[in-house]
Amino acid sequence: ALSEPRVVLPTLIFVVLAEETIWRGALLGALRTDHEAP
């Protein structure tokens, strides 16, 4: 992770935005259509 810190650190904002959008946004919302929240 730290072999290219000046590249990795700015990348984190895009990665975190994408991870929340994909797995906690689109996927979780779709799964809740047929499953209980837990």
ModelCIF file with pLDDT and N, C-alpha, C, O atoms, coordinates in Angstrom:
data_MODEL
#
_entry.id   MODEL 
#
_entity.id                         1 
_entity.type                       polymer 
_entity.pdbx_number_of_molecules   1 
#
_entity_poly.entity_id                      1 
_entity_poly.type                           'polypeptide(L)' 
_entity_poly.nstd_linkage                   no 
_entity_poly.nstd_monomer                   no 
_entity_poly.pdbx_seq_one_letter_code       ALSEPRVVLPTLIFVVLAEETIWRGALLGALRTDHEAP 
_entity_poly.pdbx_seq_one_letter_code_can   ALSEPRVVLPTLIFVVLAEETIWRGALLGALRTDHEAP 
_entity_poly.pdbx_strand_id                 A 
#
loop_
_entity_poly_seq.entity_id 
_entity_poly_seq.num 
_entity_poly_seq.mon_id 
_entity_poly_seq.hetero 
1 1  ALA n 
1 2  LEU n 
1 3  SER n 
1 4  GLU n 
1 5  PRO n 
1 6  ARG n 
1 7  VAL n 
1 8  VAL n 
1 9  LEU n 
1 10 PRO n 
1 11 THR n 
1 12 LEU n 
1 13 ILE n 
1 14 PHE n 
1 15 VAL n 
1 16 VAL n 
1 17 LEU n 
1 18 ALA n 
1 19 GLU n 
1 20 GLU n 
1 21 THR n 
1 22 ILE n 
1 23 TRP n 
1 24 ARG n 
1 25 GLY n 
1 26 ALA n 
1 27 LEU n 
1 28 LEU n 
1 29 GLY n 
1 30 ALA n 
1 31 LEU n 
1 32 ARG n 
1 33 THR n 
1 34 ASP n 
1 35 HIS n 
1 36 GLU n 
1 37 ALA n 
1 38 PRO n 
#
_struct_asym.id          A 
_struct_asym.entity_id   1 
#
loop_
_ma_qa_metric.id 
_ma_qa_metric.mode 
_ma_qa_metric.name 
_ma_qa_metric.software_group_id 
_ma_qa_metric.type 
1 global pLDDT . pLDDT 
2 local  pLDDT . pLDDT 
#
_ma_qa_metric_global.metric_id      1 
_ma_qa_metric_global.metric_value   83.84 
_ma_qa_metric_global.model_id       1 
_ma_qa_metric_global.ordinal_id     1 
#
loop_
_ma_qa_metric_local.label_asym_id 
_ma_qa_metric_local.label_comp_id 
_ma_qa_metric_local.label_seq_id 
_ma_qa_metric_local.metric_id 
_ma_qa_metric_local.metric_value 
_ma_qa_metric_local.model_id 
_ma_qa_metric_local.ordinal_id 
A ALA 1  2 64.00 1 1  
A LEU 2  2 62.00 1 2  
A SER 3  2 59.00 1 3  
A GLU 4  2 62.00 1 4  
A PRO 5  2 63.00 1 5  
A ARG 6  2 67.00 1 6  
A VAL 7  2 64.00 1 7  
A VAL 8  2 70.00 1 8  
A LEU 9  2 73.00 1 9  
A PRO 10 2 75.00 1 10 
A THR 11 2 78.00 1 11 
A LEU 12 2 83.00 1 12 
A ILE 13 2 84.00 1 13 
A PHE 14 2 82.00 1 14 
A VAL 15 2 84.00 1 15 
A VAL 16 2 90.00 1 16 
A LEU 17 2 88.00 1 17 
A ALA 18 2 87.00 1 18 
A GLU 19 2 90.00 1 19 
A GLU 20 2 94.00 1 20 
A THR 21 2 91.00 1 21 
A ILE 22 2 90.00 1 22 
A TRP 23 2 93.00 1 23 
A ARG 24 2 95.00 1 24 
A GLY 25 2 92.00 1 25 
A ALA 26 2 90.00 1 26 
A LEU 27 2 92.00 1 27 
A LEU 28 2 94.00 1 28 
A GLY 29 2 92.00 1 29 
A ALA 30 2 91.00 1 30 
A LEU 31 2 94.00 1 31 
A ARG 32 2 93.00 1 32 
A THR 33 2 90.00 1 33 
A ASP 34 2 89.00 1 34 
A HIS 35 2 93.00 1 35 
A GLU 36 2 96.00 1 36 
A ALA 37 2 96.00 1 37 
A PRO 38 2 96.00 1 38 
#
loop_
_atom_site.group_PDB 
_atom_site.id 
_atom_site.type_symbol 
_atom_site.label_atom_id 
_atom_site.label_alt_id 
_atom_site.label_comp_id 
_atom_site.label_asym_id 
_atom_site.label_entity_id 
_atom_site.label_seq_id 
_atom_site.pdbx_PDB_ins_code 
_atom_site.Cartn_x 
_atom_site.Cartn_y 
_atom_site.Cartn_z 
_atom_site.occupancy 
_atom_site.B_iso_or_equiv 
_atom_site.pdbx_formal_charge 
_atom_site.auth_seq_id 
_atom_site.auth_comp_id 
_atom_site.auth_asym_id 
_atom_site.auth_atom_id 
_atom_site.pdbx_PDB_model_num 
ATOM 1   N N  . ALA A 1 1  ? 0.816   -1.217  0.000  1.00 64.00 ? 1  ALA A N  1 
ATOM 2   C CA . ALA A 1 1  ? 0.000   0.000   0.000  1.00 64.00 ? 1  ALA A CA 1 
ATOM 3   C C  . ALA A 1 1  ? 0.845   1.260   0.000  1.00 64.00 ? 1  ALA A C  1 
ATOM 4   O O  . ALA A 1 1  ? 0.457   2.274   -0.580 1.00 64.00 ? 1  ALA A O  1 
ATOM 5   N N  . LEU A 1 2  ? 2.002   1.199   0.651  1.00 62.00 ? 2  LEU A N  1 
ATOM 6   C CA . LEU A 1 2  ? 2.812   2.405   0.813  1.00 62.00 ? 2  LEU A CA 1 
ATOM 7   C C  . LEU A 1 2  ? 4.004   2.474   -0.126 1.00 62.00 ? 2  LEU A C  1 
ATOM 8   O O  . LEU A 1 2  ? 4.878   3.325   0.040  1.00 62.00 ? 2  LEU A O  1 
ATOM 9   N N  . SER A 1 3  ? 4.048   1.580   -1.115 1.00 59.00 ? 3  SER A N  1 
ATOM 10  C CA . SER A 1 3  ? 5.164   1.627   -2.050 1.00 59.00 ? 3  SER A CA 1 
ATOM 11  C C  . SER A 1 3  ? 5.087   2.874   -2.944 1.00 59.00 ? 3  SER A C  1 
ATOM 12  O O  . SER A 1 3  ? 6.105   3.358   -3.439 1.00 59.00 ? 3  SER A O  1 
ATOM 13  N N  . GLU A 1 4  ? 3.854   3.388   -3.145 1.00 62.00 ? 4  GLU A N  1 
ATOM 14  C CA . GLU A 1 4  ? 3.682   4.616   -3.914 1.00 62.00 ? 4  GLU A CA 1 
ATOM 15  C C  . GLU A 1 4  ? 2.725   5.536   -3.148 1.00 62.00 ? 4  GLU A C  1 
ATOM 16  O O  . GLU A 1 4  ? 1.619   5.788   -3.626 1.00 62.00 ? 4  GLU A O  1 
ATOM 17  N N  . PRO A 1 5  ? 3.116   6.042   -1.978 1.00 63.00 ? 5  PRO A N  1 
ATOM 18  C CA . PRO A 1 5  ? 2.176   6.775   -1.125 1.00 63.00 ? 5  PRO A CA 1 
ATOM 19  C C  . PRO A 1 5  ? 1.569   8.004   -1.769 1.00 63.00 ? 5  PRO A C  1 
ATOM 20  O O  . PRO A 1 5  ? 0.402   8.310   -1.525 1.00 63.00 ? 5  PRO A O  1 
ATOM 21  N N  . ARG A 1 6  ? 2.333   8.719   -2.589 1.00 67.00 ? 6  ARG A N  1 
ATOM 22  C CA . ARG A 1 6  ? 1.804   9.937   -3.204 1.00 67.00 ? 6  ARG A CA 1 
ATOM 23  C C  . ARG A 1 6  ? 0.759   9.635   -4.270 1.00 67.00 ? 6  ARG A C  1 
ATOM 24  O O  . ARG A 1 6  ? -0.026  10.503  -4.649 1.00 67.00 ? 6  ARG A O  1 
ATOM 25  N N  . VAL A 1 7  ? 0.759   8.384   -4.753 1.00 64.00 ? 7  VAL A N  1 
ATOM 26  C CA . VAL A 1 7  ? -0.259  7.954   -5.709 1.00 64.00 ? 7  VAL A CA 1 
ATOM 27  C C  . VAL A 1 7  ? -1.421  7.291   -4.978 1.00 64.00 ? 7  VAL A C  1 
ATOM 28  O O  . VAL A 1 7  ? -2.584  7.528   -5.303 1.00 64.00 ? 7  VAL A O  1 
ATOM 29  N N  . VAL A 1 8  ? -1.100  6.459   -3.989 1.00 70.00 ? 8  VAL A N  1 
ATOM 30  C CA . VAL A 1 8  ? -2.125  5.699   -3.289 1.00 70.00 ? 8  VAL A CA 1 
ATOM 31  C C  . VAL A 1 8  ? -3.052  6.596   -2.485 1.00 70.00 ? 8  VAL A C  1 
ATOM 32  O O  . VAL A 1 8  ? -4.265  6.387   -2.485 1.00 70.00 ? 8  VAL A O  1 
ATOM 33  N N  . LEU A 1 9  ? -2.502  7.591   -1.801 1.00 73.00 ? 9  LEU A N  1 
ATOM 34  C CA . LEU A 1 9  ? -3.320  8.436   -0.929 1.00 73.00 ? 9  LEU A CA 1 
ATOM 35  C C  . LEU A 1 9  ? -4.417  9.178   -1.694 1.00 73.00 ? 9  LEU A C  1 
ATOM 36  O O  . LEU A 1 9  ? -5.571  9.136   -1.267 1.00 73.00 ? 9  LEU A O  1 
ATOM 37  N N  . PRO A 1 10 ? -4.109  9.863   -2.816 1.00 75.00 ? 10 PRO A N  1 
ATOM 38  C CA . PRO A 1 10 ? -5.197  10.508  -3.569 1.00 75.00 ? 10 PRO A CA 1 
ATOM 39  C C  . PRO A 1 10 ? -6.189  9.504   -4.156 1.00 75.00 ? 10 PRO A C  1 
ATOM 40  O O  . PRO A 1 10 ? -7.365  9.817   -4.337 1.00 75.00 ? 10 PRO A O  1 
ATOM 41  N N  . THR A 1 11 ? -5.702  8.291   -4.451 1.00 78.00 ? 11 THR A N  1 
ATOM 42  C CA . THR A 1 11 ? -6.573  7.268   -5.014 1.00 78.00 ? 11 THR A CA 1 
ATOM 43  C C  . THR A 1 11 ? -7.651  6.844   -4.036 1.00 78.00 ? 11 THR A C  1 
ATOM 44  O O  . THR A 1 11 ? -8.741  6.443   -4.445 1.00 78.00 ? 11 THR A O  1 
ATOM 45  N N  . LEU A 1 12 ? -7.354  6.930   -2.741 1.00 83.00 ? 12 LEU A N  1 
ATOM 46  C CA . LEU A 1 12 ? -8.281  6.440   -1.725 1.00 83.00 ? 12 LEU A CA 1 
ATOM 47  C C  . LEU A 1 12 ? -9.662  7.080   -1.829 1.00 83.00 ? 12 LEU A C  1 
ATOM 48  O O  . LEU A 1 12 ? -10.671 6.412   -1.606 1.00 83.00 ? 12 LEU A O  1 
ATOM 49  N N  . ILE A 1 13 ? -9.716  8.363   -2.163 1.00 84.00 ? 13 ILE A N  1 
ATOM 50  C CA . ILE A 1 13 ? -11.003 9.041   -2.232 1.00 84.00 ? 13 ILE A CA 1 
ATOM 51  C C  . ILE A 1 13 ? -11.890 8.401   -3.289 1.00 84.00 ? 13 ILE A C  1 
ATOM 52  O O  . ILE A 1 13 ? -13.087 8.218   -3.069 1.00 84.00 ? 13 ILE A O  1 
ATOM 53  N N  . PHE A 1 14 ? -11.307 8.057   -4.445 1.00 82.00 ? 14 PHE A N  1 
ATOM 54  C CA . PHE A 1 14 ? -12.076 7.408   -5.503 1.00 82.00 ? 14 PHE A CA 1 
ATOM 55  C C  . PHE A 1 14 ? -12.485 6.002   -5.102 1.00 82.00 ? 14 PHE A C  1 
ATOM 56  O O  . PHE A 1 14 ? -13.612 5.578   -5.355 1.00 82.00 ? 14 PHE A O  1 
ATOM 57  N N  . VAL A 1 15 ? -11.566 5.283   -4.476 1.00 84.00 ? 15 VAL A N  1 
ATOM 58  C CA . VAL A 1 15 ? -11.842 3.908   -4.076 1.00 84.00 ? 15 VAL A CA 1 
ATOM 59  C C  . VAL A 1 15 ? -12.946 3.856   -3.022 1.00 84.00 ? 15 VAL A C  1 
ATOM 60  O O  . VAL A 1 15 ? -13.862 3.039   -3.115 1.00 84.00 ? 15 VAL A O  1 
ATOM 61  N N  . VAL A 1 16 ? -12.853 4.729   -2.021 1.00 90.00 ? 16 VAL A N  1 
ATOM 62  C CA . VAL A 1 16 ? -13.862 4.734   -0.955 1.00 90.00 ? 16 VAL A CA 1 
ATOM 63  C C  . VAL A 1 16 ? -15.222 5.143   -1.503 1.00 90.00 ? 16 VAL A C  1 
ATOM 64  O O  . VAL A 1 16 ? -16.235 4.538   -1.154 1.00 90.00 ? 16 VAL A O  1 
ATOM 65  N N  . LEU A 1 17 ? -15.259 6.156   -2.353 1.00 88.00 ? 17 LEU A N  1 
ATOM 66  C CA . LEU A 1 17 ? -16.515 6.548   -2.986 1.00 88.00 ? 17 LEU A CA 1 
ATOM 67  C C  . LEU A 1 17 ? -17.125 5.389   -3.764 1.00 88.00 ? 17 LEU A C  1 
ATOM 68  O O  . LEU A 1 17 ? -18.326 5.134   -3.676 1.00 88.00 ? 17 LEU A O  1 
ATOM 69  N N  . ALA A 1 18 ? -16.286 4.691   -4.526 1.00 87.00 ? 18 ALA A N  1 
ATOM 70  C CA . ALA A 1 18 ? -16.784 3.583   -5.336 1.00 87.00 ? 18 ALA A CA 1 
ATOM 71  C C  . ALA A 1 18 ? -17.252 2.423   -4.469 1.00 87.00 ? 18 ALA A C  1 
ATOM 72  O O  . ALA A 1 18 ? -18.299 1.833   -4.738 1.00 87.00 ? 18 ALA A O  1 
ATOM 73  N N  . GLU A 1 19 ? -16.492 2.092   -3.438 1.00 90.00 ? 19 GLU A N  1 
ATOM 74  C CA . GLU A 1 19 ? -16.869 0.968   -2.585 1.00 90.00 ? 19 GLU A CA 1 
ATOM 75  C C  . GLU A 1 19 ? -18.205 1.226   -1.901 1.00 90.00 ? 19 GLU A C  1 
ATOM 76  O O  . GLU A 1 19 ? -19.032 0.319   -1.808 1.00 90.00 ? 19 GLU A O  1 
ATOM 77  N N  . GLU A 1 20 ? -18.428 2.437   -1.427 1.00 94.00 ? 20 GLU A N  1 
ATOM 78  C CA . GLU A 1 20 ? -19.711 2.745   -0.796 1.00 94.00 ? 20 GLU A CA 1 
ATOM 79  C C  . GLU A 1 20 ? -20.840 2.726   -1.830 1.00 94.00 ? 20 GLU A C  1 
ATOM 80  O O  . GLU A 1 20 ? -21.938 2.249   -1.543 1.00 94.00 ? 20 GLU A O  1 
ATOM 81  N N  . THR A 1 21 ? -20.575 3.239   -3.020 1.00 91.00 ? 21 THR A N  1 
ATOM 82  C CA . THR A 1 21 ? -21.596 3.263   -4.063 1.00 91.00 ? 21 THR A CA 1 
ATOM 83  C C  . THR A 1 21 ? -21.983 1.855   -4.498 1.00 91.00 ? 21 THR A C  1 
ATOM 84  O O  . THR A 1 21 ? -23.164 1.551   -4.668 1.00 91.00 ? 21 THR A O  1 
ATOM 85  N N  . ILE A 1 22 ? -20.983 1.004   -4.676 1.00 90.00 ? 22 ILE A N  1 
ATOM 86  C CA . ILE A 1 22 ? -21.246 -0.357  -5.168 1.00 90.00 ? 22 ILE A CA 1 
ATOM 87  C C  . ILE A 1 22 ? -21.873 -1.238  -4.086 1.00 90.00 ? 22 ILE A C  1 
ATOM 88  O O  . ILE A 1 22 ? -22.982 -1.744  -4.256 1.00 90.00 ? 22 ILE A O  1 
ATOM 89  N N  . TRP A 1 23 ? -21.155 -1.420  -2.972 1.00 93.00 ? 23 TRP A N  1 
ATOM 90  C CA . TRP A 1 23 ? -21.546 -2.461  -2.011 1.00 93.00 ? 23 TRP A CA 1 
ATOM 91  C C  . TRP A 1 23 ? -22.528 -1.996  -0.945 1.00 93.00 ? 23 TRP A C  1 
ATOM 92  O O  . TRP A 1 23 ? -23.376 -2.781  -0.520 1.00 93.00 ? 23 TRP A O  1 
ATOM 93  N N  . ARG A 1 24 ? -22.444 -0.759  -0.503 1.00 95.00 ? 24 ARG A N  1 
ATOM 94  C CA . ARG A 1 24 ? -23.405 -0.274  0.491  1.00 95.00 ? 24 ARG A CA 1 
ATOM 95  C C  . ARG A 1 24 ? -24.555 0.484   -0.151 1.00 95.00 ? 24 ARG A C  1 
ATOM 96  O O  . ARG A 1 24 ? -25.568 0.735   0.502  1.00 95.00 ? 24 ARG A O  1 
ATOM 97  N N  . GLY A 1 25 ? -24.416 0.854   -1.424 1.00 92.00 ? 25 GLY A N  1 
ATOM 98  C CA . GLY A 1 25 ? -25.479 1.561   -2.117 1.00 92.00 ? 25 GLY A CA 1 
ATOM 99  C C  . GLY A 1 25 ? -26.278 0.644   -3.025 1.00 92.00 ? 25 GLY A C  1 
ATOM 100 O O  . GLY A 1 25 ? -27.349 0.165   -2.653 1.00 92.00 ? 25 GLY A O  1 
ATOM 101 N N  . ALA A 1 26 ? -25.745 0.401   -4.228 1.00 90.00 ? 26 ALA A N  1 
ATOM 102 C CA . ALA A 1 26 ? -26.484 -0.379  -5.225 1.00 90.00 ? 26 ALA A CA 1 
ATOM 103 C C  . ALA A 1 26 ? -26.767 -1.806  -4.762 1.00 90.00 ? 26 ALA A C  1 
ATOM 104 O O  . ALA A 1 26 ? -27.912 -2.256  -4.814 1.00 90.00 ? 26 ALA A O  1 
ATOM 105 N N  . LEU A 1 27 ? -25.739 -2.519  -4.312 1.00 92.00 ? 27 LEU A N  1 
ATOM 106 C CA . LEU A 1 27 ? -25.928 -3.924  -3.947 1.00 92.00 ? 27 LEU A CA 1 
ATOM 107 C C  . LEU A 1 27 ? -26.815 -4.078  -2.715 1.00 92.00 ? 27 LEU A C  1 
ATOM 108 O O  . LEU A 1 27 ? -27.763 -4.863  -2.737 1.00 92.00 ? 27 LEU A O  1 
ATOM 109 N N  . LEU A 1 28 ? -26.531 -3.354  -1.662 1.00 94.00 ? 28 LEU A N  1 
ATOM 110 C CA . LEU A 1 28 ? -27.308 -3.486  -0.436 1.00 94.00 ? 28 LEU A CA 1 
ATOM 111 C C  . LEU A 1 28 ? -28.770 -3.115  -0.675 1.00 94.00 ? 28 LEU A C  1 
ATOM 112 O O  . LEU A 1 28 ? -29.673 -3.774  -0.160 1.00 94.00 ? 28 LEU A O  1 
ATOM 113 N N  . GLY A 1 29 ? -29.000 -2.060  -1.456 1.00 92.00 ? 29 GLY A N  1 
ATOM 114 C CA . GLY A 1 29 ? -30.377 -1.672  -1.766 1.00 92.00 ? 29 GLY A CA 1 
ATOM 115 C C  . GLY A 1 29 ? -31.109 -2.738  -2.545 1.00 92.00 ? 29 GLY A C  1 
ATOM 116 O O  . GLY A 1 29 ? -32.281 -3.005  -2.279 1.00 92.00 ? 29 GLY A O  1 
ATOM 117 N N  . ALA A 1 30 ? -30.429 -3.361  -3.515 1.00 91.00 ? 30 ALA A N  1 
ATOM 118 C CA . ALA A 1 30 ? -31.065 -4.417  -4.299 1.00 91.00 ? 30 ALA A CA 1 
ATOM 119 C C  . ALA A 1 30 ? -31.340 -5.652  -3.449 1.00 91.00 ? 30 ALA A C  1 
ATOM 120 O O  . ALA A 1 30 ? -32.393 -6.275  -3.585 1.00 91.00 ? 30 ALA A O  1 
ATOM 121 N N  . LEU A 1 31 ? -30.406 -6.010  -2.578 1.00 94.00 ? 31 LEU A N  1 
ATOM 122 C CA . LEU A 1 31 ? -30.589 -7.190  -1.727 1.00 94.00 ? 31 LEU A CA 1 
ATOM 123 C C  . LEU A 1 31 ? -31.744 -7.007  -0.750 1.00 94.00 ? 31 LEU A C  1 
ATOM 124 O O  . LEU A 1 31 ? -32.415 -7.977  -0.399 1.00 94.00 ? 31 LEU A O  1 
ATOM 125 N N  . ARG A 1 32 ? -31.978 -5.807  -0.319 1.00 93.00 ? 32 ARG A N  1 
ATOM 126 C CA . ARG A 1 32 ? -33.055 -5.547  0.639  1.00 93.00 ? 32 ARG A CA 1 
ATOM 127 C C  . ARG A 1 32 ? -34.436 -5.733  0.020  1.00 93.00 ? 32 ARG A C  1 
ATOM 128 O O  . ARG A 1 32 ? -35.436 -5.778  0.735  1.00 93.00 ? 32 ARG A O  1 
ATOM 129 N N  . THR A 1 33 ? -34.496 -5.842  -1.312 1.00 90.00 ? 33 THR A N  1 
ATOM 130 C CA . THR A 1 33 ? -35.775 -6.105  -1.963 1.00 90.00 ? 33 THR A CA 1 
ATOM 131 C C  . THR A 1 33 ? -36.323 -7.468  -1.560 1.00 90.00 ? 33 THR A C  1 
ATOM 132 O O  . THR A 1 33 ? -37.533 -7.627  -1.397 1.00 90.00 ? 33 THR A O  1 
ATOM 133 N N  . ASP A 1 34 ? -35.442 -8.448  -1.398 1.00 89.00 ? 34 ASP A N  1 
ATOM 134 C CA . ASP A 1 34 ? -35.870 -9.820  -1.102 1.00 89.00 ? 34 ASP A CA 1 
ATOM 135 C C  . ASP A 1 34 ? -35.362 -10.347 0.229  1.00 89.00 ? 34 ASP A C  1 
ATOM 136 O O  . ASP A 1 34 ? -35.678 -11.481 0.589  1.00 89.00 ? 34 ASP A O  1 
ATOM 137 N N  . HIS A 1 35 ? -34.586 -9.565  0.974  1.00 93.00 ? 35 HIS A N  1 
ATOM 138 C CA . HIS A 1 35 ? -33.999 -10.056 2.228  1.00 93.00 ? 35 HIS A CA 1 
ATOM 139 C C  . HIS A 1 35 ? -34.210 -9.040  3.342  1.00 93.00 ? 35 HIS A C  1 
ATOM 140 O O  . HIS A 1 35 ? -34.314 -7.837  3.106  1.00 93.00 ? 35 HIS A O  1 
ATOM 141 N N  . GLU A 1 36 ? -34.270 -9.564  4.567  1.00 96.00 ? 36 GLU A N  1 
ATOM 142 C CA . GLU A 1 36 ? -34.296 -8.690  5.728  1.00 96.00 ? 36 GLU A CA 1 
ATOM 143 C C  . GLU A 1 36 ? -32.954 -7.955  5.840  1.00 96.00 ? 36 GLU A C  1 
ATOM 144 O O  . GLU A 1 36 ? -31.939 -8.404  5.309  1.00 96.00 ? 36 GLU A O  1 
ATOM 145 N N  . ALA A 1 37 ? -32.972 -6.825  6.538  1.00 96.00 ? 37 ALA A N  1 
ATOM 146 C CA . ALA A 1 37 ? -31.784 -5.984  6.617  1.00 96.00 ? 37 ALA A CA 1 
ATOM 147 C C  . ALA A 1 37 ? -30.534 -6.720  7.094  1.00 96.00 ? 37 ALA A C  1 
ATOM 148 O O  . ALA A 1 37 ? -29.482 -6.565  6.473  1.00 96.00 ? 37 ALA A O  1 
ATOM 149 N N  . PRO A 1 38 ? -30.596 -7.531  8.187  1.00 96.00 ? 38 PRO A N  1 
ATOM 150 C CA . PRO A 1 38 ? -29.363 -8.202  8.638  1.00 96.00 ? 38 PRO A CA 1 
ATOM 151 C C  . PRO A 1 38 ? -28.782 -9.145  7.584  1.00 96.00 ? 38 PRO A C  1 
ATOM 152 O O  . PRO A 1 38 ? -27.751 -9.776  7.821  1.00 96.00 ? 38 PRO A O  1 
#
